[in-house]
Amino acid sequence: MDQQSADAPVAAVAHLGGVPLTPGDHICVLYRGRAERDRLMTPFLADGLSAGHICLLLGTKDDGRTFRDILASAAPAVGRGGNNFQIRGPDEYLQDGTFDGDRTLARMYAWSDEVFPSDTGTCARLAADMSWAQPLVRPPFVQDLVRYEMNATRWLRSHPQVGMCLYDLELFHSDLIVPLIKVHPMVWLNGMIMENPYFLDPDDETGPPASGET
């Protein structure tokens, strides 16, 4: 019946730390050091590649090739990822050293439109290393980045895709982390992933304004 279909649970398309993720999920991953980053990203991306998902590693600086080798070593079955594994550097966020959240989101929407040209049952996974942002942390930038992350939730919900934004606690502190947590519906910390009770949903009319609104 239609009511049963409407109430049916959404099937998981990925897992992180054993927790099921469904299309549109957006996770703030708080970690310490590159080794922990790789331990989190590797199974997330390897499992996706094994399932035939499109995987995007975003924001890494000069280590994309190295991570392909890590992936091949940890998951020989998927090798270095092939055509389903794409890597884009910090320039995806920056232009002449300046962050433009709207420009980045436009690129992300264009990427999704390319990945999902039709209803093919494809799923995509995004892992975004946000370490590039550390030198820019100032109050105006924090506000812009928080707005970007808020609207990134809308982008992830626009297609069957899940995303994890990785913030290194050795680089970032409470001035950035506290406001960022509020715009991620899920948070990973100390080996646990949890629903965020402080999440400000961008699609909730009581939430903060979207980019470009007043």
N, C-alpha and C. Protein backbone atom coordinates (compact mmCIF):
# COMPACT_ATOMS: atom_id res chain seq x y z
N MET A 1 0.84 -1.19 0.00
CA MET A 1 0.00 0.00 0.00
C MET A 1 0.88 1.24 0.00
N ASP A 2 0.28 2.36 -0.42
CA ASP A 2 1.05 3.59 -0.51
C ASP A 2 1.58 4.02 0.85
N GLN A 3 0.75 3.86 1.92
CA GLN A 3 1.19 4.29 3.23
C GLN A 3 2.39 3.48 3.70
N GLN A 4 2.39 2.18 3.39
CA GLN A 4 3.53 1.36 3.77
C GLN A 4 4.78 1.82 3.04
N SER A 5 4.63 2.15 1.75
CA SER A 5 5.78 2.60 0.99
C SER A 5 6.33 3.89 1.56
N ALA A 6 5.40 4.80 1.96
CA ALA A 6 5.84 6.08 2.49
C ALA A 6 6.56 5.91 3.82
N ASP A 7 6.13 4.92 4.61
CA ASP A 7 6.71 4.72 5.93
C ASP A 7 7.89 3.77 5.92
N ALA A 8 8.18 3.14 4.78
CA ALA A 8 9.26 2.16 4.71
C ALA A 8 10.61 2.82 5.00
N PRO A 9 11.47 2.18 5.77
CA PRO A 9 12.78 2.78 6.06
C PRO A 9 13.63 2.87 4.80
N VAL A 10 14.46 3.89 4.76
CA VAL A 10 15.36 4.08 3.62
C VAL A 10 16.54 3.12 3.78
N ALA A 11 16.85 2.40 2.72
CA ALA A 11 17.93 1.41 2.78
C ALA A 11 19.29 2.09 2.92
N ALA A 12 20.15 1.50 3.72
CA ALA A 12 21.51 2.01 3.88
C ALA A 12 22.30 1.80 2.59
N VAL A 13 23.12 2.79 2.25
CA VAL A 13 23.98 2.68 1.06
C VAL A 13 25.46 2.65 1.45
N ALA A 14 25.76 2.89 2.72
CA ALA A 14 27.14 2.91 3.20
C ALA A 14 27.13 2.70 4.70
N HIS A 15 28.33 2.48 5.25
CA HIS A 15 28.49 2.36 6.70
C HIS A 15 29.75 3.13 7.11
N LEU A 16 29.72 3.66 8.31
CA LEU A 16 30.89 4.28 8.90
C LEU A 16 30.94 3.83 10.35
N GLY A 17 32.00 3.11 10.70
CA GLY A 17 32.09 2.59 12.05
C GLY A 17 30.96 1.65 12.40
N GLY A 18 30.44 0.95 11.41
CA GLY A 18 29.34 0.02 11.64
C GLY A 18 27.98 0.66 11.64
N VAL A 19 27.91 1.99 11.55
CA VAL A 19 26.63 2.69 11.55
C VAL A 19 26.15 2.87 10.11
N PRO A 20 24.91 2.48 9.81
CA PRO A 20 24.40 2.62 8.45
C PRO A 20 24.17 4.07 8.06
N LEU A 21 24.50 4.38 6.81
CA LEU A 21 24.28 5.71 6.25
C LEU A 21 23.31 5.60 5.09
N THR A 22 22.44 6.57 4.99
CA THR A 22 21.44 6.58 3.92
C THR A 22 21.68 7.77 3.01
N PRO A 23 21.12 7.75 1.80
CA PRO A 23 21.35 8.86 0.86
C PRO A 23 21.03 10.22 1.48
N GLY A 24 21.96 11.15 1.28
CA GLY A 24 21.80 12.49 1.82
C GLY A 24 22.51 12.72 3.13
N ASP A 25 23.03 11.65 3.76
CA ASP A 25 23.70 11.83 5.05
C ASP A 25 24.98 12.65 4.88
N HIS A 26 25.22 13.51 5.87
CA HIS A 26 26.35 14.45 5.86
C HIS A 26 27.00 14.38 7.24
N ILE A 27 28.22 13.88 7.31
CA ILE A 27 28.86 13.59 8.60
C ILE A 27 30.07 14.50 8.80
N CYS A 28 30.14 15.12 9.97
CA CYS A 28 31.33 15.86 10.38
C CYS A 28 32.24 14.89 11.12
N VAL A 29 33.39 14.58 10.54
CA VAL A 29 34.32 13.62 11.11
C VAL A 29 35.45 14.39 11.79
N LEU A 30 35.56 14.24 13.10
CA LEU A 30 36.60 14.90 13.89
C LEU A 30 37.66 13.87 14.24
N TYR A 31 38.87 14.08 13.77
CA TYR A 31 39.95 13.10 13.93
C TYR A 31 41.23 13.80 14.34
N ARG A 32 42.26 13.01 14.59
CA ARG A 32 43.56 13.58 14.95
C ARG A 32 44.66 12.94 14.11
N GLY A 33 45.25 13.73 13.23
CA GLY A 33 46.40 13.28 12.46
C GLY A 33 46.05 12.51 11.20
N ARG A 34 46.98 12.54 10.26
CA ARG A 34 46.73 11.94 8.96
C ARG A 34 46.53 10.42 9.04
N ALA A 35 47.21 9.76 9.96
CA ALA A 35 47.06 8.30 10.05
C ALA A 35 45.62 7.94 10.39
N GLU A 36 45.01 8.67 11.33
CA GLU A 36 43.61 8.39 11.66
C GLU A 36 42.70 8.75 10.49
N ARG A 37 43.01 9.84 9.81
CA ARG A 37 42.24 10.19 8.62
C ARG A 37 42.21 9.04 7.62
N ASP A 38 43.37 8.48 7.34
CA ASP A 38 43.45 7.39 6.37
C ASP A 38 42.71 6.15 6.86
N ARG A 39 42.77 5.88 8.16
CA ARG A 39 42.05 4.71 8.69
C ARG A 39 40.54 4.87 8.54
N LEU A 40 40.04 6.09 8.57
CA LEU A 40 38.61 6.33 8.41
C LEU A 40 38.21 6.35 6.94
N MET A 41 39.01 7.03 6.12
CA MET A 41 38.64 7.18 4.71
C MET A 41 38.77 5.89 3.93
N THR A 42 39.80 5.10 4.24
CA THR A 42 40.11 3.94 3.40
C THR A 42 38.95 2.95 3.31
N PRO A 43 38.39 2.45 4.42
CA PRO A 43 37.27 1.51 4.27
C PRO A 43 36.02 2.16 3.69
N PHE A 44 35.79 3.42 4.02
CA PHE A 44 34.62 4.13 3.49
C PHE A 44 34.67 4.16 1.97
N LEU A 45 35.82 4.50 1.41
CA LEU A 45 35.96 4.59 -0.04
C LEU A 45 36.12 3.20 -0.66
N ALA A 46 36.88 2.31 -0.02
CA ALA A 46 37.08 0.97 -0.58
C ALA A 46 35.77 0.21 -0.67
N ASP A 47 34.96 0.29 0.38
CA ASP A 47 33.66 -0.40 0.35
C ASP A 47 32.78 0.18 -0.74
N GLY A 48 32.85 1.49 -0.92
CA GLY A 48 32.07 2.10 -1.99
C GLY A 48 32.50 1.63 -3.36
N LEU A 49 33.79 1.58 -3.59
CA LEU A 49 34.29 1.12 -4.89
C LEU A 49 33.92 -0.33 -5.13
N SER A 50 33.99 -1.15 -4.07
CA SER A 50 33.60 -2.55 -4.21
C SER A 50 32.13 -2.69 -4.58
N ALA A 51 31.31 -1.74 -4.11
CA ALA A 51 29.88 -1.77 -4.39
C ALA A 51 29.52 -1.11 -5.72
N GLY A 52 30.53 -0.61 -6.43
CA GLY A 52 30.28 0.04 -7.71
C GLY A 52 29.89 1.50 -7.58
N HIS A 53 30.13 2.11 -6.41
CA HIS A 53 29.80 3.51 -6.22
C HIS A 53 30.87 4.41 -6.84
N ILE A 54 30.47 5.63 -7.19
CA ILE A 54 31.42 6.66 -7.59
C ILE A 54 31.95 7.30 -6.32
N CYS A 55 33.28 7.41 -6.19
CA CYS A 55 33.88 7.97 -4.98
C CYS A 55 34.73 9.18 -5.33
N LEU A 56 34.58 10.23 -4.53
CA LEU A 56 35.32 11.47 -4.73
C LEU A 56 36.07 11.83 -3.47
N LEU A 57 37.38 11.96 -3.58
CA LEU A 57 38.23 12.44 -2.50
C LEU A 57 38.55 13.89 -2.81
N LEU A 58 38.15 14.78 -1.92
CA LEU A 58 38.18 16.21 -2.21
C LEU A 58 39.05 16.95 -1.20
N GLY A 59 39.86 17.87 -1.70
CA GLY A 59 40.59 18.77 -0.82
C GLY A 59 41.98 18.35 -0.42
N THR A 60 42.43 17.17 -0.82
CA THR A 60 43.77 16.73 -0.43
C THR A 60 44.83 17.51 -1.20
N LYS A 61 45.93 17.78 -0.52
CA LYS A 61 47.00 18.54 -1.14
C LYS A 61 48.21 17.64 -1.36
N ASP A 62 48.53 17.40 -2.61
CA ASP A 62 49.76 16.68 -3.00
C ASP A 62 49.82 15.23 -2.52
N ASP A 63 48.70 14.65 -2.05
CA ASP A 63 48.79 13.27 -1.56
C ASP A 63 47.77 12.36 -2.21
N GLY A 64 47.14 12.81 -3.29
CA GLY A 64 46.17 11.96 -3.96
C GLY A 64 46.77 10.66 -4.46
N ARG A 65 47.93 10.76 -5.08
CA ARG A 65 48.60 9.55 -5.59
C ARG A 65 48.98 8.64 -4.44
N THR A 66 49.48 9.22 -3.35
CA THR A 66 49.84 8.42 -2.19
C THR A 66 48.63 7.69 -1.63
N PHE A 67 47.48 8.38 -1.57
CA PHE A 67 46.31 7.72 -1.02
C PHE A 67 45.84 6.60 -1.94
N ARG A 68 46.00 6.73 -3.23
CA ARG A 68 45.66 5.62 -4.12
C ARG A 68 46.49 4.39 -3.77
N ASP A 69 47.75 4.59 -3.42
CA ASP A 69 48.60 3.47 -3.01
C ASP A 69 48.13 2.88 -1.69
N ILE A 70 47.73 3.74 -0.75
CA ILE A 70 47.19 3.25 0.53
C ILE A 70 45.94 2.42 0.27
N LEU A 71 45.09 2.91 -0.60
CA LEU A 71 43.85 2.20 -0.93
C LEU A 71 44.16 0.83 -1.54
N ALA A 72 45.12 0.79 -2.46
CA ALA A 72 45.47 -0.46 -3.11
C ALA A 72 46.06 -1.46 -2.12
N SER A 73 46.83 -0.97 -1.15
CA SER A 73 47.44 -1.85 -0.17
C SER A 73 46.40 -2.40 0.81
N ALA A 74 45.47 -1.53 1.23
CA ALA A 74 44.47 -1.95 2.22
C ALA A 74 43.34 -2.76 1.60
N ALA A 75 43.06 -2.50 0.34
CA ALA A 75 41.95 -3.18 -0.33
C ALA A 75 42.39 -3.60 -1.72
N PRO A 76 43.17 -4.69 -1.82
CA PRO A 76 43.69 -5.11 -3.12
C PRO A 76 42.60 -5.33 -4.16
N ALA A 77 41.41 -5.71 -3.72
CA ALA A 77 40.34 -6.00 -4.68
C ALA A 77 39.93 -4.77 -5.48
N VAL A 78 40.08 -3.58 -4.89
CA VAL A 78 39.70 -2.36 -5.62
C VAL A 78 40.92 -1.66 -6.20
N GLY A 79 42.12 -2.14 -5.87
CA GLY A 79 43.33 -1.55 -6.43
C GLY A 79 43.44 -0.07 -6.10
N ARG A 80 43.79 0.73 -7.09
CA ARG A 80 43.94 2.17 -6.90
C ARG A 80 42.67 2.94 -7.24
N GLY A 81 41.59 2.22 -7.43
CA GLY A 81 40.29 2.87 -7.57
C GLY A 81 39.75 2.97 -8.97
N GLY A 82 40.63 2.99 -9.96
CA GLY A 82 40.17 3.07 -11.34
C GLY A 82 39.36 4.33 -11.63
N ASN A 83 38.53 4.27 -12.65
CA ASN A 83 37.77 5.44 -13.09
C ASN A 83 36.68 5.85 -12.10
N ASN A 84 36.27 4.94 -11.22
CA ASN A 84 35.23 5.28 -10.26
C ASN A 84 35.75 6.09 -9.07
N PHE A 85 37.06 6.24 -8.99
CA PHE A 85 37.66 7.00 -7.88
C PHE A 85 38.27 8.28 -8.44
N GLN A 86 37.71 9.42 -8.02
CA GLN A 86 38.17 10.71 -8.50
C GLN A 86 38.78 11.50 -7.34
N ILE A 87 39.80 12.29 -7.65
CA ILE A 87 40.48 13.11 -6.64
C ILE A 87 40.56 14.54 -7.15
N ARG A 88 40.16 15.47 -6.28
CA ARG A 88 40.27 16.89 -6.60
C ARG A 88 40.94 17.60 -5.43
N GLY A 89 41.83 18.55 -5.73
CA GLY A 89 42.62 19.20 -4.69
C GLY A 89 41.95 20.41 -4.08
N PRO A 90 42.69 21.15 -3.25
CA PRO A 90 42.15 22.34 -2.57
C PRO A 90 41.65 23.41 -3.53
N ASP A 91 42.15 23.41 -4.77
CA ASP A 91 41.68 24.41 -5.73
C ASP A 91 40.18 24.29 -6.00
N GLU A 92 39.60 23.14 -5.65
CA GLU A 92 38.16 22.99 -5.80
C GLU A 92 37.43 23.98 -4.88
N TYR A 93 38.08 24.36 -3.78
CA TYR A 93 37.50 25.31 -2.84
C TYR A 93 38.03 26.73 -3.03
N LEU A 94 39.25 26.84 -3.49
CA LEU A 94 39.93 28.13 -3.50
C LEU A 94 40.17 28.66 -4.90
N GLN A 95 40.08 29.96 -5.03
CA GLN A 95 40.45 30.62 -6.28
C GLN A 95 41.31 31.81 -5.90
N ASP A 96 42.57 31.77 -6.34
CA ASP A 96 43.55 32.78 -5.94
C ASP A 96 43.64 32.90 -4.43
N GLY A 97 43.55 31.74 -3.77
CA GLY A 97 43.67 31.70 -2.32
C GLY A 97 42.44 32.15 -1.57
N THR A 98 41.34 32.42 -2.28
CA THR A 98 40.11 32.90 -1.65
C THR A 98 39.03 31.84 -1.72
N PHE A 99 38.33 31.66 -0.61
CA PHE A 99 37.25 30.68 -0.56
C PHE A 99 35.95 31.31 -1.03
N ASP A 100 35.27 30.61 -1.94
CA ASP A 100 33.96 31.04 -2.43
C ASP A 100 33.03 29.84 -2.34
N GLY A 101 32.22 29.80 -1.28
CA GLY A 101 31.35 28.65 -1.05
C GLY A 101 30.34 28.44 -2.15
N ASP A 102 29.78 29.52 -2.67
CA ASP A 102 28.78 29.38 -3.73
C ASP A 102 29.41 28.79 -5.00
N ARG A 103 30.62 29.22 -5.32
CA ARG A 103 31.30 28.68 -6.50
C ARG A 103 31.59 27.20 -6.31
N THR A 104 32.05 26.83 -5.11
CA THR A 104 32.33 25.43 -4.83
C THR A 104 31.07 24.58 -4.93
N LEU A 105 29.97 25.06 -4.36
CA LEU A 105 28.72 24.32 -4.43
C LEU A 105 28.23 24.18 -5.86
N ALA A 106 28.41 25.21 -6.67
CA ALA A 106 28.02 25.11 -8.07
C ALA A 106 28.79 24.00 -8.76
N ARG A 107 30.08 23.88 -8.44
CA ARG A 107 30.88 22.79 -9.00
C ARG A 107 30.40 21.43 -8.51
N MET A 108 30.03 21.36 -7.23
CA MET A 108 29.56 20.10 -6.68
C MET A 108 28.23 19.66 -7.31
N TYR A 109 27.33 20.60 -7.50
CA TYR A 109 26.08 20.27 -8.18
C TYR A 109 26.34 19.82 -9.61
N ALA A 110 27.28 20.49 -10.29
CA ALA A 110 27.61 20.10 -11.66
C ALA A 110 28.22 18.70 -11.68
N TRP A 111 29.06 18.40 -10.69
CA TRP A 111 29.66 17.06 -10.61
C TRP A 111 28.56 16.01 -10.43
N SER A 112 27.62 16.25 -9.53
CA SER A 112 26.54 15.29 -9.30
C SER A 112 25.68 15.12 -10.54
N ASP A 113 25.40 16.20 -11.23
CA ASP A 113 24.60 16.11 -12.45
C ASP A 113 25.30 15.25 -13.50
N GLU A 114 26.63 15.30 -13.50
CA GLU A 114 27.40 14.48 -14.44
C GLU A 114 27.41 13.01 -14.01
N VAL A 115 27.55 12.79 -12.70
CA VAL A 115 27.60 11.42 -12.18
C VAL A 115 26.25 10.74 -12.30
N PHE A 116 25.17 11.51 -12.13
CA PHE A 116 23.82 10.96 -12.16
C PHE A 116 23.05 11.51 -13.37
N PRO A 117 23.47 11.14 -14.58
CA PRO A 117 22.76 11.67 -15.76
C PRO A 117 21.34 11.14 -15.88
N SER A 118 21.06 10.00 -15.25
CA SER A 118 19.71 9.43 -15.28
C SER A 118 19.55 8.54 -14.05
N ASP A 119 18.38 8.01 -13.85
CA ASP A 119 18.11 7.16 -12.69
C ASP A 119 18.68 5.77 -12.95
N THR A 120 19.98 5.63 -12.67
CA THR A 120 20.67 4.37 -12.97
C THR A 120 20.93 3.54 -11.73
N GLY A 121 20.50 4.00 -10.57
CA GLY A 121 20.76 3.27 -9.34
C GLY A 121 22.15 3.51 -8.79
N THR A 122 22.89 4.45 -9.38
CA THR A 122 24.24 4.75 -8.92
C THR A 122 24.19 5.46 -7.57
N CYS A 123 25.21 5.23 -6.75
CA CYS A 123 25.38 5.97 -5.51
C CYS A 123 26.79 6.58 -5.52
N ALA A 124 26.93 7.72 -4.85
CA ALA A 124 28.23 8.37 -4.77
C ALA A 124 28.63 8.59 -3.32
N ARG A 125 29.94 8.56 -3.07
CA ARG A 125 30.49 8.82 -1.75
C ARG A 125 31.53 9.93 -1.86
N LEU A 126 31.46 10.88 -0.96
CA LEU A 126 32.41 11.98 -0.91
C LEU A 126 33.16 11.94 0.41
N ALA A 127 34.48 12.07 0.34
CA ALA A 127 35.31 12.28 1.53
C ALA A 127 36.09 13.57 1.31
N ALA A 128 35.81 14.59 2.14
CA ALA A 128 36.42 15.90 1.96
C ALA A 128 37.39 16.19 3.10
N ASP A 129 38.67 16.24 2.79
CA ASP A 129 39.68 16.61 3.76
C ASP A 129 39.73 18.13 3.82
N MET A 130 39.35 18.71 4.95
CA MET A 130 39.21 20.16 5.05
C MET A 130 40.47 20.83 5.61
N SER A 131 41.60 20.15 5.63
CA SER A 131 42.82 20.70 6.21
C SER A 131 43.29 21.97 5.49
N TRP A 132 42.94 22.10 4.22
CA TRP A 132 43.32 23.29 3.46
C TRP A 132 42.83 24.58 4.12
N ALA A 133 41.77 24.49 4.93
CA ALA A 133 41.14 25.69 5.50
C ALA A 133 41.91 26.26 6.69
N GLN A 134 42.83 25.51 7.27
CA GLN A 134 43.47 25.93 8.52
C GLN A 134 44.12 27.32 8.44
N PRO A 135 44.87 27.66 7.37
CA PRO A 135 45.50 28.99 7.34
C PRO A 135 44.50 30.14 7.21
N LEU A 136 43.27 29.85 6.85
CA LEU A 136 42.29 30.90 6.57
C LEU A 136 41.39 31.22 7.75
N VAL A 137 41.51 30.46 8.84
CA VAL A 137 40.55 30.59 9.93
C VAL A 137 40.61 31.98 10.57
N ARG A 138 39.59 32.75 10.31
CA ARG A 138 39.30 34.05 10.90
C ARG A 138 37.79 34.15 11.00
N PRO A 139 37.24 35.01 11.85
CA PRO A 139 35.78 35.05 11.99
C PRO A 139 34.99 35.16 10.69
N PRO A 140 35.36 36.04 9.73
CA PRO A 140 34.56 36.09 8.49
C PRO A 140 34.62 34.78 7.70
N PHE A 141 35.80 34.14 7.67
CA PHE A 141 35.93 32.88 6.95
C PHE A 141 35.12 31.79 7.63
N VAL A 142 35.16 31.75 8.95
CA VAL A 142 34.38 30.73 9.68
C VAL A 142 32.90 30.86 9.32
N GLN A 143 32.41 32.08 9.27
CA GLN A 143 31.01 32.30 8.91
C GLN A 143 30.72 31.78 7.50
N ASP A 144 31.63 32.06 6.56
CA ASP A 144 31.44 31.61 5.18
C ASP A 144 31.50 30.09 5.09
N LEU A 145 32.42 29.47 5.82
CA LEU A 145 32.57 28.02 5.75
C LEU A 145 31.35 27.33 6.38
N VAL A 146 30.86 27.88 7.48
CA VAL A 146 29.67 27.31 8.12
C VAL A 146 28.48 27.38 7.17
N ARG A 147 28.33 28.50 6.48
CA ARG A 147 27.24 28.63 5.52
C ARG A 147 27.40 27.63 4.38
N TYR A 148 28.64 27.45 3.92
CA TYR A 148 28.90 26.45 2.88
C TYR A 148 28.51 25.05 3.34
N GLU A 149 28.95 24.67 4.54
CA GLU A 149 28.64 23.33 5.04
C GLU A 149 27.13 23.14 5.21
N MET A 150 26.45 24.19 5.64
CA MET A 150 25.00 24.10 5.78
C MET A 150 24.36 23.80 4.43
N ASN A 151 24.80 24.51 3.40
CA ASN A 151 24.22 24.30 2.08
C ASN A 151 24.73 23.02 1.41
N ALA A 152 25.88 22.51 1.88
CA ALA A 152 26.36 21.22 1.37
C ALA A 152 25.40 20.10 1.76
N THR A 153 24.71 20.26 2.88
CA THR A 153 23.69 19.26 3.25
C THR A 153 22.60 19.23 2.20
N ARG A 154 22.18 20.37 1.71
CA ARG A 154 21.17 20.43 0.64
C ARG A 154 21.69 19.73 -0.62
N TRP A 155 22.96 20.01 -0.95
CA TRP A 155 23.53 19.37 -2.15
C TRP A 155 23.55 17.86 -2.00
N LEU A 156 24.00 17.35 -0.87
CA LEU A 156 24.06 15.90 -0.68
C LEU A 156 22.68 15.27 -0.75
N ARG A 157 21.66 15.99 -0.31
CA ARG A 157 20.30 15.47 -0.37
C ARG A 157 19.71 15.50 -1.78
N SER A 158 20.38 16.19 -2.70
CA SER A 158 19.82 16.35 -4.04
C SER A 158 20.00 15.12 -4.91
N HIS A 159 20.87 14.19 -4.49
CA HIS A 159 21.15 12.98 -5.25
C HIS A 159 21.42 11.84 -4.26
N PRO A 160 21.44 10.58 -4.73
CA PRO A 160 21.77 9.46 -3.84
C PRO A 160 23.27 9.43 -3.53
N GLN A 161 23.67 10.21 -2.55
CA GLN A 161 25.08 10.35 -2.21
C GLN A 161 25.23 10.61 -0.71
N VAL A 162 26.37 10.22 -0.18
CA VAL A 162 26.69 10.46 1.23
C VAL A 162 28.04 11.14 1.29
N GLY A 163 28.23 11.98 2.30
CA GLY A 163 29.47 12.72 2.39
C GLY A 163 30.01 12.81 3.80
N MET A 164 31.33 12.75 3.92
CA MET A 164 32.00 12.95 5.20
C MET A 164 33.01 14.08 5.05
N CYS A 165 32.90 15.10 5.92
CA CYS A 165 33.82 16.22 5.93
C CYS A 165 34.77 16.03 7.10
N LEU A 166 36.05 15.93 6.82
CA LEU A 166 37.03 15.55 7.83
C LEU A 166 37.80 16.76 8.34
N TYR A 167 37.72 16.99 9.66
CA TYR A 167 38.40 18.11 10.30
C TYR A 167 39.38 17.56 11.34
N ASP A 168 40.65 17.93 11.17
CA ASP A 168 41.72 17.46 12.05
C ASP A 168 41.75 18.32 13.31
N LEU A 169 41.52 17.70 14.47
CA LEU A 169 41.53 18.43 15.73
C LEU A 169 42.93 18.89 16.14
N GLU A 170 43.95 18.43 15.42
CA GLU A 170 45.29 18.96 15.65
C GLU A 170 45.50 20.27 14.90
N LEU A 171 44.61 20.58 13.97
CA LEU A 171 44.70 21.81 13.19
C LEU A 171 43.62 22.83 13.55
N PHE A 172 42.44 22.34 13.90
CA PHE A 172 41.29 23.21 14.14
C PHE A 172 40.87 23.16 15.60
N HIS A 173 40.36 24.29 16.08
CA HIS A 173 39.97 24.38 17.49
C HIS A 173 38.52 24.84 17.60
N SER A 174 38.11 25.14 18.81
CA SER A 174 36.68 25.37 19.07
C SER A 174 36.10 26.53 18.28
N ASP A 175 36.93 27.52 17.91
CA ASP A 175 36.39 28.66 17.18
C ASP A 175 35.81 28.25 15.83
N LEU A 176 36.30 27.15 15.27
CA LEU A 176 35.75 26.62 14.03
C LEU A 176 34.86 25.41 14.29
N ILE A 177 35.31 24.51 15.14
CA ILE A 177 34.62 23.23 15.32
C ILE A 177 33.22 23.40 15.90
N VAL A 178 33.05 24.24 16.90
CA VAL A 178 31.74 24.38 17.54
C VAL A 178 30.67 24.83 16.55
N PRO A 179 30.88 25.91 15.78
CA PRO A 179 29.84 26.29 14.82
C PRO A 179 29.66 25.27 13.70
N LEU A 180 30.73 24.57 13.33
CA LEU A 180 30.62 23.59 12.26
C LEU A 180 29.74 22.41 12.66
N ILE A 181 29.88 21.98 13.90
CA ILE A 181 29.09 20.83 14.35
C ILE A 181 27.60 21.10 14.16
N LYS A 182 27.19 22.34 14.39
CA LYS A 182 25.77 22.66 14.34
C LYS A 182 25.16 22.51 12.95
N VAL A 183 25.99 22.49 11.91
CA VAL A 183 25.45 22.40 10.55
C VAL A 183 25.72 21.04 9.92
N HIS A 184 26.07 20.05 10.75
CA HIS A 184 26.20 18.67 10.27
C HIS A 184 25.19 17.80 11.02
N PRO A 185 24.36 17.06 10.31
CA PRO A 185 23.37 16.23 10.99
C PRO A 185 23.95 15.06 11.75
N MET A 186 25.18 14.64 11.40
CA MET A 186 25.82 13.53 12.09
C MET A 186 27.27 13.90 12.39
N VAL A 187 27.78 13.39 13.51
CA VAL A 187 29.14 13.70 13.96
C VAL A 187 29.86 12.42 14.33
N TRP A 188 31.11 12.31 13.86
CA TRP A 188 31.98 11.20 14.23
C TRP A 188 33.05 11.74 15.18
N LEU A 189 33.22 11.11 16.35
CA LEU A 189 34.23 11.54 17.31
C LEU A 189 34.58 10.37 18.21
N ASN A 190 35.88 10.17 18.40
CA ASN A 190 36.37 9.13 19.32
C ASN A 190 35.78 7.76 19.02
N GLY A 191 35.72 7.42 17.74
CA GLY A 191 35.27 6.09 17.36
C GLY A 191 33.78 5.88 17.37
N MET A 192 33.02 6.94 17.54
CA MET A 192 31.57 6.82 17.57
C MET A 192 30.94 7.82 16.61
N ILE A 193 29.83 7.41 16.00
CA ILE A 193 29.07 8.30 15.16
C ILE A 193 27.69 8.48 15.79
N MET A 194 27.22 9.70 15.81
CA MET A 194 25.96 9.98 16.51
C MET A 194 25.14 11.00 15.74
N GLU A 195 23.84 10.90 15.89
CA GLU A 195 22.95 11.94 15.40
C GLU A 195 23.21 13.21 16.20
N ASN A 196 23.22 14.34 15.53
CA ASN A 196 23.57 15.60 16.18
C ASN A 196 22.31 16.30 16.70
N PRO A 197 22.12 16.36 18.02
CA PRO A 197 20.91 17.00 18.55
C PRO A 197 20.91 18.51 18.37
N TYR A 198 22.06 19.09 18.02
CA TYR A 198 22.16 20.54 17.85
C TYR A 198 22.09 20.97 16.39
N PHE A 199 21.86 20.00 15.51
CA PHE A 199 21.86 20.27 14.07
C PHE A 199 20.79 21.29 13.68
N LEU A 200 21.23 22.30 12.90
CA LEU A 200 20.32 23.30 12.35
C LEU A 200 20.04 22.93 10.90
N ASP A 201 18.88 22.36 10.65
CA ASP A 201 18.55 21.85 9.33
C ASP A 201 18.33 23.01 8.35
N PRO A 202 19.06 23.02 7.23
CA PRO A 202 18.89 24.12 6.27
C PRO A 202 17.51 24.14 5.62
N ASP A 203 16.81 23.01 5.66
CA ASP A 203 15.47 22.95 5.08
C ASP A 203 14.37 23.21 6.11
N ASP A 204 14.78 23.52 7.33
CA ASP A 204 13.83 23.88 8.37
C ASP A 204 13.64 25.39 8.33
N GLU A 205 12.41 25.83 8.22
CA GLU A 205 12.16 27.25 8.08
C GLU A 205 12.65 28.05 9.30
N THR A 206 12.90 27.35 10.42
CA THR A 206 13.40 28.05 11.60
C THR A 206 14.92 28.07 11.64
N GLY A 207 15.55 27.41 10.68
CA GLY A 207 17.00 27.35 10.65
C GLY A 207 17.62 28.60 10.10
N PRO A 208 18.95 28.65 9.99
CA PRO A 208 19.65 29.83 9.47
C PRO A 208 19.39 30.00 7.99
N PRO A 209 19.53 31.20 7.45
CA PRO A 209 19.25 31.43 6.03
C PRO A 209 20.24 30.75 5.14
N ALA A 210 19.80 30.37 3.98
CA ALA A 210 20.70 29.81 2.97
C ALA A 210 21.55 30.89 2.37
N SER A 211 22.61 30.47 1.67
CA SER A 211 23.50 31.42 1.05
C SER A 211 22.74 32.33 0.10
N GLY A 212 22.97 33.63 0.23
CA GLY A 212 22.32 34.58 -0.64
C GLY A 212 21.01 35.12 -0.09
N GLU A 213 20.51 34.51 1.02
CA GLU A 213 19.27 35.00 1.60
C GLU A 213 19.58 35.95 2.74
N THR A 214 18.60 36.72 3.16
CA THR A 214 18.77 37.64 4.27
C THR A 214 17.73 37.35 5.32
